[in-house]
Amino acid sequence: MSHHNTIFSQILKLVPRHEFMSLAKKHDGAIRSDTMNRWTQFIAMSTAQLSGRSSLRDIESTIISQKHLNYHLGSGSIKRTTLARANQKRPAAFFEDLFAKLYQRCQSTAPRHKFKFKRKLFSLDSSLLDVSLKVFPQANYNRMKAAFKLHVGLDHDGLIPAFATVTRGKIGDQTQAKMMRFPKGSILVFDRGYSDYRWHNELTDKGIFWVTRLRSHAKYCILERREANKAEDITSDQIVKLTSHRASKYNLRPIRRVGFYDRETKKHYVFFTNHMDWSAKTIADIYKQRWQVELFFKWIKQNLKIKSFLGNNDNAVMTQVMIALCVYLILAYLKFQSRIQISLQQITRLIHVNLFIKRDLIDLLKPLKEPDRPTEQWRLL
């Protein structure tokens, strides 16, 4: 009978350890021997994500119960006080860099988006992470609550986050979007929350295409009317120039306005884009794909631990969220590389209940085969 390490140990082997240690040396330098290192911190927090642990005491108890496996995990001893201190004081920027490394590796195995064009497609959005106003007074969002905000740029190749950061809830979406760097020729999809004419113009200058919906009070004049394909539910296709004071101030280029009637929702939508050549239906279909980022937020909130936090400062919150996203990328890479057909949620559930079982990881994720039953057993005599 072949020997296997635990499911958790096999998952951790998917993390490029040499790159991990290089990042740790870059961010932390030399540390005292009695200090919790980054790998131990990552193992502890990943345990919470993969096994559903909800407190520092839970994490400590879980790992102590599996103390004999520490050698295979490469982990040192874990105490809740030491872990709490590491989460609060050791810069979360380390896990932002680890996230970027894991995303780069996922790109090589991720399936492409469904559109015929080969350009990269990204959806931008943010989601509030509600927290207690008493515990996080620095993150006050309004008089009733406090909140942090997770900003994400979702890559539609594989539906994985390409960019992510955590801020306090009041930080605007546009502020973080402007800090993201997208490859030339890529397409961005975003909603009205990113309505910044100057930024739109800068994206055009950089050779980046975008599709969005402008605010209802946007002023424009029509420069050209194109034929609208009614059979594809296109109600209008026009070249327009924005005429508001702000638009005139930034000398914006003409853009394209596409009207679309959605038979499913029975609503009329108006999209704006700086791409002049694609069919109007393609523009509408691109914007509809923005819904994938909403599904992503829903998934991580249901399956990962980012709704209750194990520390009470900004760094601890960012550390926990970025580790959760790193775990998401590890599971996505496992799915892409193994070409397993079950959903990411099914993978997460199987790992959750088998985390410390010694079994082959890929066999665990393969669908069970129905045993062969002799037909004679089912015959009525």
Protein backbone atom coordinates (compact mmCIF):
# COMPACT_ATOMS: atom_id res chain seq x y z
CA MET A 1 0.00 0.00 0.00
CA SER A 2 1.48 3.36 -1.05
CA HIS A 3 2.20 5.99 1.61
CA HIS A 4 0.69 9.45 1.43
CA ASN A 5 1.16 12.55 3.50
CA THR A 6 -1.88 14.42 4.79
CA ILE A 7 -4.15 16.31 2.40
CA PHE A 8 -2.96 19.55 4.02
CA SER A 9 0.70 18.67 3.44
CA GLN A 10 0.01 17.92 -0.24
CA ILE A 11 -1.79 21.26 -0.64
CA LEU A 12 1.13 23.15 0.90
CA LYS A 13 3.46 21.50 -1.63
CA LEU A 14 1.63 23.50 -4.29
CA VAL A 15 3.15 26.66 -2.80
CA PRO A 16 6.55 27.42 -4.42
CA ARG A 17 8.58 27.12 -1.20
CA HIS A 18 11.81 28.65 -2.54
CA GLU A 19 9.91 31.73 -3.74
CA PHE A 20 8.10 31.89 -0.41
CA MET A 21 11.36 31.90 1.56
CA SER A 22 12.92 34.46 -0.80
CA LEU A 23 9.97 36.78 -0.18
CA ALA A 24 10.27 36.22 3.59
CA LYS A 25 13.94 37.15 3.50
CA LYS A 26 13.17 40.24 1.41
CA HIS A 27 10.41 41.49 3.73
CA ASP A 28 11.64 40.37 7.15
CA GLY A 29 15.40 39.94 6.84
CA ALA A 30 17.01 38.01 9.67
CA ILE A 31 14.66 37.27 12.57
CA ARG A 32 15.20 35.82 16.03
CA SER A 33 15.07 32.04 16.30
CA ASP A 34 12.23 32.20 18.82
CA THR A 35 10.07 34.38 16.53
CA MET A 36 7.24 32.84 14.51
CA ASN A 37 8.44 32.72 10.91
CA ARG A 38 6.29 33.47 7.88
CA TRP A 39 5.83 29.83 6.90
CA THR A 40 4.47 28.91 10.34
CA GLN A 41 2.18 31.95 10.26
CA PHE A 42 0.94 30.96 6.80
CA ILE A 43 0.29 27.35 7.91
CA ALA A 44 -1.68 28.51 10.96
CA MET A 45 -3.85 30.96 9.03
CA SER A 46 -4.33 28.52 6.15
CA THR A 47 -5.55 25.95 8.67
CA ALA A 48 -8.27 28.42 9.66
CA GLN A 49 -9.25 28.92 6.02
CA LEU A 50 -9.31 25.25 5.04
CA SER A 51 -10.83 23.78 8.20
CA GLY A 52 -13.25 26.57 9.15
CA ARG A 53 -11.57 27.50 12.44
CA SER A 54 -13.10 30.70 13.82
CA SER A 55 -10.71 31.83 16.57
CA LEU A 56 -7.05 31.84 17.55
CA ARG A 57 -7.81 29.28 20.27
CA ASP A 58 -9.44 27.00 17.66
CA ILE A 59 -6.38 27.24 15.43
CA GLU A 60 -4.02 26.49 18.32
CA SER A 61 -6.08 23.50 19.48
CA THR A 62 -6.39 22.09 15.97
CA ILE A 63 -2.66 22.24 15.29
CA ILE A 64 -1.72 20.90 18.75
CA SER A 65 -3.99 17.91 18.10
CA GLN A 66 -1.95 17.23 14.95
CA LYS A 67 1.43 18.05 16.49
CA HIS A 68 2.98 14.85 15.16
CA LEU A 69 2.47 16.18 11.61
CA ASN A 70 4.46 19.40 12.12
CA TYR A 71 7.58 17.81 10.61
CA HIS A 72 5.82 17.12 7.30
CA LEU A 73 4.28 20.59 7.28
CA GLY A 74 7.61 22.27 8.05
CA SER A 75 5.94 24.18 10.86
CA GLY A 76 7.23 25.35 14.20
CA SER A 77 5.16 25.49 17.37
CA ILE A 78 2.10 27.70 17.22
CA LYS A 79 0.66 29.64 20.16
CA ARG A 80 -2.33 31.91 19.82
CA THR A 81 -0.58 34.87 21.48
CA THR A 82 2.40 34.60 19.13
CA LEU A 83 0.11 34.22 16.11
CA ALA A 84 -1.98 37.24 17.15
CA ARG A 85 1.17 39.33 17.50
CA ALA A 86 2.47 38.20 14.11
CA ASN A 87 -0.82 39.07 12.39
CA GLN A 88 -0.94 42.51 13.96
CA LYS A 89 2.69 43.57 13.61
CA ARG A 90 4.30 41.75 10.67
CA PRO A 91 3.54 43.72 7.47
CA ALA A 92 0.77 42.26 5.34
CA ALA A 93 2.64 43.44 2.24
CA PHE A 94 4.43 40.06 2.32
CA PHE A 95 1.17 38.25 1.57
CA GLU A 96 0.33 40.77 -1.16
CA ASP A 97 3.57 39.77 -2.89
CA LEU A 98 2.86 36.07 -2.31
CA PHE A 99 -0.59 36.59 -3.83
CA ALA A 100 1.05 38.12 -6.94
CA LYS A 101 3.42 35.12 -7.25
CA LEU A 102 0.58 32.63 -6.99
CA TYR A 103 -1.48 34.52 -9.57
CA GLN A 104 1.42 34.47 -12.04
CA ARG A 105 1.67 30.70 -11.71
CA CYS A 106 -2.10 30.22 -12.12
CA GLN A 107 -2.04 32.13 -15.41
CA SER A 108 -0.11 29.35 -17.16
CA THR A 109 -2.79 26.73 -16.45
CA ALA A 110 -6.01 28.79 -16.30
CA PRO A 111 -8.65 28.22 -19.03
CA ARG A 112 -9.32 31.20 -21.28
CA HIS A 113 -12.45 33.31 -21.21
CA LYS A 114 -15.33 32.46 -23.56
CA PHE A 115 -14.88 35.34 -26.02
CA LYS A 116 -13.16 34.91 -29.39
CA PHE A 117 -10.73 37.80 -28.87
CA LYS A 118 -7.38 36.97 -27.26
CA ARG A 119 -7.08 40.13 -25.17
CA LYS A 120 -7.12 39.90 -21.37
CA LEU A 121 -10.49 40.70 -19.77
CA PHE A 122 -10.74 42.05 -16.21
CA SER A 123 -13.75 43.01 -14.08
CA LEU A 124 -13.22 45.61 -11.36
CA ASP A 125 -15.35 45.84 -8.24
CA SER A 126 -15.21 46.08 -4.45
CA SER A 127 -17.14 44.58 -1.57
CA LEU A 128 -17.63 45.77 2.00
CA LEU A 129 -16.48 43.55 4.88
CA ASP A 130 -18.64 44.57 7.82
CA VAL A 131 -16.95 44.68 11.25
CA SER A 132 -17.86 45.79 14.75
CA LEU A 133 -17.65 49.53 15.30
CA LYS A 134 -16.53 48.92 18.89
CA VAL A 135 -13.66 46.66 17.87
CA PHE A 136 -12.62 48.65 14.78
CA PRO A 137 -13.42 52.32 15.54
CA GLN A 138 -10.73 53.39 13.06
CA ALA A 139 -12.76 51.84 10.21
CA ASN A 140 -16.01 53.72 10.88
CA TYR A 141 -18.15 53.68 7.76
CA ASN A 142 -21.17 55.54 9.09
CA ARG A 143 -22.83 56.09 12.45
CA MET A 144 -24.18 52.55 12.51
CA LYS A 145 -21.25 50.37 11.46
CA ALA A 146 -17.59 49.98 10.59
CA ALA A 147 -16.31 48.26 7.48
CA PHE A 148 -13.25 47.39 5.46
CA LYS A 149 -13.37 47.14 1.69
CA LEU A 150 -11.91 44.44 -0.53
CA HIS A 151 -10.95 45.78 -3.98
CA VAL A 152 -10.49 43.15 -6.70
CA GLY A 153 -9.56 43.00 -10.36
CA LEU A 154 -10.92 39.63 -11.55
CA ASP A 155 -9.14 37.92 -14.45
CA HIS A 156 -11.73 36.17 -16.62
CA ASP A 157 -9.10 33.63 -17.67
CA GLY A 158 -9.95 31.11 -14.97
CA LEU A 159 -12.04 33.63 -13.00
CA ILE A 160 -9.23 34.28 -10.52
CA PRO A 161 -8.32 37.55 -8.77
CA ALA A 162 -5.41 39.26 -10.50
CA PHE A 163 -5.30 42.32 -8.24
CA ALA A 164 -6.51 42.64 -4.67
CA THR A 165 -6.10 44.96 -1.73
CA VAL A 166 -7.94 45.81 1.47
CA THR A 167 -8.70 49.35 2.65
CA ARG A 168 -10.99 51.01 5.13
CA GLY A 169 -14.56 51.20 3.91
CA LYS A 170 -14.61 54.88 3.02
CA ILE A 171 -11.78 54.63 0.50
CA GLY A 172 -13.19 55.12 -3.00
CA ASP A 173 -13.11 52.41 -5.65
CA GLN A 174 -11.43 54.71 -8.16
CA THR A 175 -8.50 55.38 -5.82
CA GLN A 176 -7.47 51.71 -5.80
CA ALA A 177 -8.30 51.09 -9.46
CA LYS A 178 -5.84 53.79 -10.50
CA MET A 179 -3.07 51.91 -8.68
CA MET A 180 -3.64 48.68 -10.64
CA ARG A 181 -1.43 48.11 -13.67
CA PHE A 182 -3.05 46.33 -16.60
CA PRO A 183 -1.32 44.98 -19.74
CA LYS A 184 -1.68 47.07 -22.87
CA GLY A 185 -4.63 45.99 -25.01
CA SER A 186 -6.60 44.49 -22.13
CA ILE A 187 -10.31 45.19 -21.55
CA LEU A 188 -11.67 46.47 -18.24
CA VAL A 189 -15.31 46.16 -17.17
CA PHE A 190 -16.60 48.25 -14.28
CA ASP A 191 -19.80 49.86 -13.02
CA ARG A 192 -20.79 53.46 -12.24
CA GLY A 193 -18.64 53.50 -9.10
CA TYR A 194 -15.60 53.96 -11.35
CA SER A 195 -17.03 56.92 -13.27
CA ASP A 196 -13.95 59.13 -13.56
CA TYR A 197 -13.63 60.82 -16.96
CA ARG A 198 -9.98 61.68 -16.53
CA TRP A 199 -9.07 58.11 -15.61
CA HIS A 200 -11.07 56.81 -18.60
CA ASN A 201 -9.05 59.10 -20.84
CA GLU A 202 -5.77 57.90 -19.30
CA LEU A 203 -6.74 54.27 -19.95
CA THR A 204 -7.39 55.11 -23.61
CA ASP A 205 -3.98 56.80 -23.84
CA LYS A 206 -2.36 53.61 -22.50
CA GLY A 207 -4.09 51.43 -25.11
CA ILE A 208 -6.50 49.86 -22.63
CA PHE A 209 -10.16 49.35 -23.57
CA TRP A 210 -13.05 49.69 -21.14
CA VAL A 211 -16.78 49.01 -20.96
CA THR A 212 -18.95 50.68 -18.33
CA ARG A 213 -22.22 52.41 -17.52
CA LEU A 214 -22.09 56.13 -16.88
CA ARG A 215 -24.23 57.93 -14.34
CA SER A 216 -27.77 58.70 -15.49
CA HIS A 217 -27.17 62.46 -15.56
CA ALA A 218 -24.19 62.23 -17.94
CA LYS A 219 -24.46 64.85 -20.71
CA TYR A 220 -23.45 64.10 -24.29
CA CYS A 221 -24.14 64.97 -27.90
CA ILE A 222 -24.50 62.42 -30.71
CA LEU A 223 -21.82 62.58 -33.43
CA GLU A 224 -22.77 59.47 -35.41
CA ARG A 225 -25.62 56.95 -35.49
CA ARG A 226 -24.91 53.37 -36.47
CA GLU A 227 -27.34 50.68 -37.51
CA ALA A 228 -28.72 48.84 -34.47
CA ASN A 229 -29.38 45.11 -34.85
CA LYS A 230 -32.86 44.74 -33.34
CA ALA A 231 -32.67 40.96 -33.66
CA GLU A 232 -29.86 40.98 -31.06
CA ASP A 233 -31.86 43.32 -28.77
CA ILE A 234 -29.61 46.28 -29.59
CA THR A 235 -31.69 49.45 -29.33
CA SER A 236 -29.01 51.99 -30.28
CA ASP A 237 -25.39 52.22 -31.39
CA GLN A 238 -23.93 55.72 -31.44
CA ILE A 239 -20.67 57.66 -31.31
CA VAL A 240 -21.06 60.44 -28.74
CA LYS A 241 -19.05 63.21 -27.15
CA LEU A 242 -19.45 63.99 -23.45
CA THR A 243 -20.35 67.66 -23.01
CA SER A 244 -20.31 68.25 -19.25
CA HIS A 245 -17.95 70.83 -17.76
CA ARG A 246 -15.63 68.10 -16.44
CA ALA A 247 -15.58 66.30 -19.78
CA SER A 248 -14.70 69.53 -21.61
CA LYS A 249 -12.01 70.31 -19.03
CA TYR A 250 -10.18 67.03 -19.72
CA ASN A 251 -10.69 67.23 -23.51
CA LEU A 252 -12.16 63.72 -23.69
CA ARG A 253 -12.21 61.78 -26.92
CA PRO A 254 -15.52 60.64 -28.47
CA ILE A 255 -16.78 57.34 -27.09
CA ARG A 256 -19.36 54.77 -28.08
CA ARG A 257 -22.85 54.46 -26.61
CA VAL A 258 -24.71 51.12 -26.91
CA GLY A 259 -28.32 50.57 -25.84
CA PHE A 260 -29.37 47.00 -25.02
CA TYR A 261 -32.65 45.41 -23.90
CA ASP A 262 -32.19 42.38 -21.65
CA ARG A 263 -35.07 39.96 -22.15
CA GLU A 264 -34.19 38.04 -18.95
CA THR A 265 -34.44 41.02 -16.59
CA LYS A 266 -36.78 43.01 -18.88
CA LYS A 267 -34.60 46.07 -18.35
CA HIS A 268 -32.93 48.51 -20.71
CA TYR A 269 -29.20 49.15 -20.26
CA VAL A 270 -26.90 51.73 -21.76
CA PHE A 271 -23.19 50.94 -22.05
CA PHE A 272 -20.28 53.24 -22.88
CA THR A 273 -16.96 52.09 -24.29
CA ASN A 274 -13.86 53.39 -26.04
CA HIS A 275 -13.82 50.37 -28.41
CA MET A 276 -15.29 51.40 -31.76
CA ASP A 277 -15.01 48.19 -33.81
CA TRP A 278 -16.63 45.28 -31.97
CA SER A 279 -20.26 44.49 -32.56
CA ALA A 280 -22.72 46.13 -30.18
CA LYS A 281 -23.80 42.67 -28.98
CA THR A 282 -20.21 41.87 -28.00
CA ILE A 283 -20.06 45.07 -25.94
CA ALA A 284 -23.28 44.07 -24.14
CA ASP A 285 -22.01 40.51 -23.57
CA ILE A 286 -18.72 41.82 -22.14
CA TYR A 287 -20.55 43.95 -19.60
CA LYS A 288 -22.81 41.03 -18.61
CA GLN A 289 -19.66 39.12 -17.64
CA ARG A 290 -19.06 41.68 -14.89
CA TRP A 291 -21.49 39.62 -12.85
CA GLN A 292 -18.69 37.06 -12.38
CA VAL A 293 -16.92 39.34 -9.92
CA GLU A 294 -20.10 39.52 -7.83
CA LEU A 295 -20.22 35.72 -7.79
CA PHE A 296 -16.55 35.68 -6.73
CA PHE A 297 -17.27 37.90 -3.72
CA LYS A 298 -20.23 35.71 -2.79
CA TRP A 299 -18.09 32.57 -3.03
CA ILE A 300 -15.23 33.74 -0.84
CA LYS A 301 -17.58 35.10 1.81
CA GLN A 302 -19.39 31.76 1.97
CA ASN A 303 -16.34 29.48 1.85
CA LEU A 304 -13.40 31.38 3.36
CA LYS A 305 -12.90 33.15 6.68
CA ILE A 306 -13.18 36.84 5.84
CA LYS A 307 -16.36 37.78 7.73
CA SER A 308 -14.92 37.58 11.25
CA PHE A 309 -11.36 38.62 12.02
CA LEU A 310 -8.65 37.31 14.34
CA GLY A 311 -7.04 40.69 15.04
CA ASN A 312 -8.22 44.21 15.74
CA ASN A 313 -5.98 46.40 13.60
CA ASP A 314 -5.78 47.10 9.87
CA ASN A 315 -2.70 44.94 9.33
CA ALA A 316 -4.32 41.87 10.91
CA VAL A 317 -7.40 42.28 8.71
CA MET A 318 -5.34 42.64 5.53
CA THR A 319 -3.17 39.66 6.51
CA GLN A 320 -6.21 37.41 7.00
CA VAL A 321 -7.91 38.49 3.77
CA MET A 322 -4.76 38.20 1.65
CA ILE A 323 -4.03 34.72 3.02
CA ALA A 324 -7.63 33.75 2.19
CA LEU A 325 -7.06 34.93 -1.40
CA CYS A 326 -3.75 33.04 -1.54
CA VAL A 327 -5.61 29.88 -0.47
CA TYR A 328 -8.19 30.56 -3.21
CA LEU A 329 -5.41 30.74 -5.82
CA ILE A 330 -3.82 27.53 -4.52
CA LEU A 331 -7.14 25.68 -4.85
CA ALA A 332 -7.72 27.20 -8.29
CA TYR A 333 -4.24 26.07 -9.39
CA LEU A 334 -5.01 22.57 -8.09
CA LYS A 335 -8.21 22.50 -10.14
CA PHE A 336 -6.55 23.84 -13.31
CA GLN A 337 -3.50 21.57 -13.11
CA SER A 338 -5.39 18.36 -12.31
CA ARG A 339 -8.22 19.18 -14.78
CA ILE A 340 -10.74 17.92 -12.23
CA GLN A 341 -14.31 18.64 -13.32
CA ILE A 342 -15.91 19.21 -9.91
CA SER A 343 -16.52 22.78 -8.78
CA LEU A 344 -14.20 24.77 -6.56
CA GLN A 345 -16.84 24.69 -3.84
CA GLN A 346 -16.94 20.88 -3.94
CA ILE A 347 -13.14 20.81 -3.72
CA THR A 348 -13.24 23.10 -0.70
CA ARG A 349 -15.84 20.96 1.08
CA LEU A 350 -13.90 17.74 0.50
CA ILE A 351 -10.70 19.30 1.81
CA HIS A 352 -12.53 20.77 4.80
CA VAL A 353 -13.53 17.35 6.17
CA ASN A 354 -10.35 15.50 5.09
CA LEU A 355 -7.63 18.06 5.83
CA PHE A 356 -5.51 15.84 8.08
CA ILE A 357 -6.37 12.50 6.48
CA LYS A 358 -3.47 10.59 4.88
CA ARG A 359 -4.72 9.98 1.37
CA ASP A 360 -3.82 10.91 -2.19
CA LEU A 361 -5.19 14.39 -2.86
CA ILE A 362 -6.15 13.81 -6.49
CA ASP A 363 -7.92 10.54 -5.68
CA LEU A 364 -9.91 12.36 -3.01
CA LEU A 365 -11.19 14.85 -5.57
CA LYS A 366 -12.07 12.32 -8.25
CA PRO A 367 -15.77 11.36 -8.44
CA LEU A 368 -16.63 8.07 -6.77
CA LYS A 369 -17.28 5.17 -9.12
CA GLU A 370 -20.42 3.15 -8.66
CA PRO A 371 -19.50 -0.41 -7.65
CA ASP A 372 -20.37 -3.13 -10.12
CA ARG A 373 -23.39 -5.04 -8.87
CA PRO A 374 -24.30 -8.46 -10.24
CA THR A 375 -27.61 -8.14 -11.95
CA GLU A 376 -28.74 -11.42 -10.36
CA GLN A 377 -28.95 -9.67 -6.97
CA TRP A 378 -31.59 -7.31 -8.29
CA ARG A 379 -33.80 -9.90 -9.95
CA LEU A 380 -37.06 -10.74 -8.28
CA LEU A 381 -37.42 -14.44 -7.69
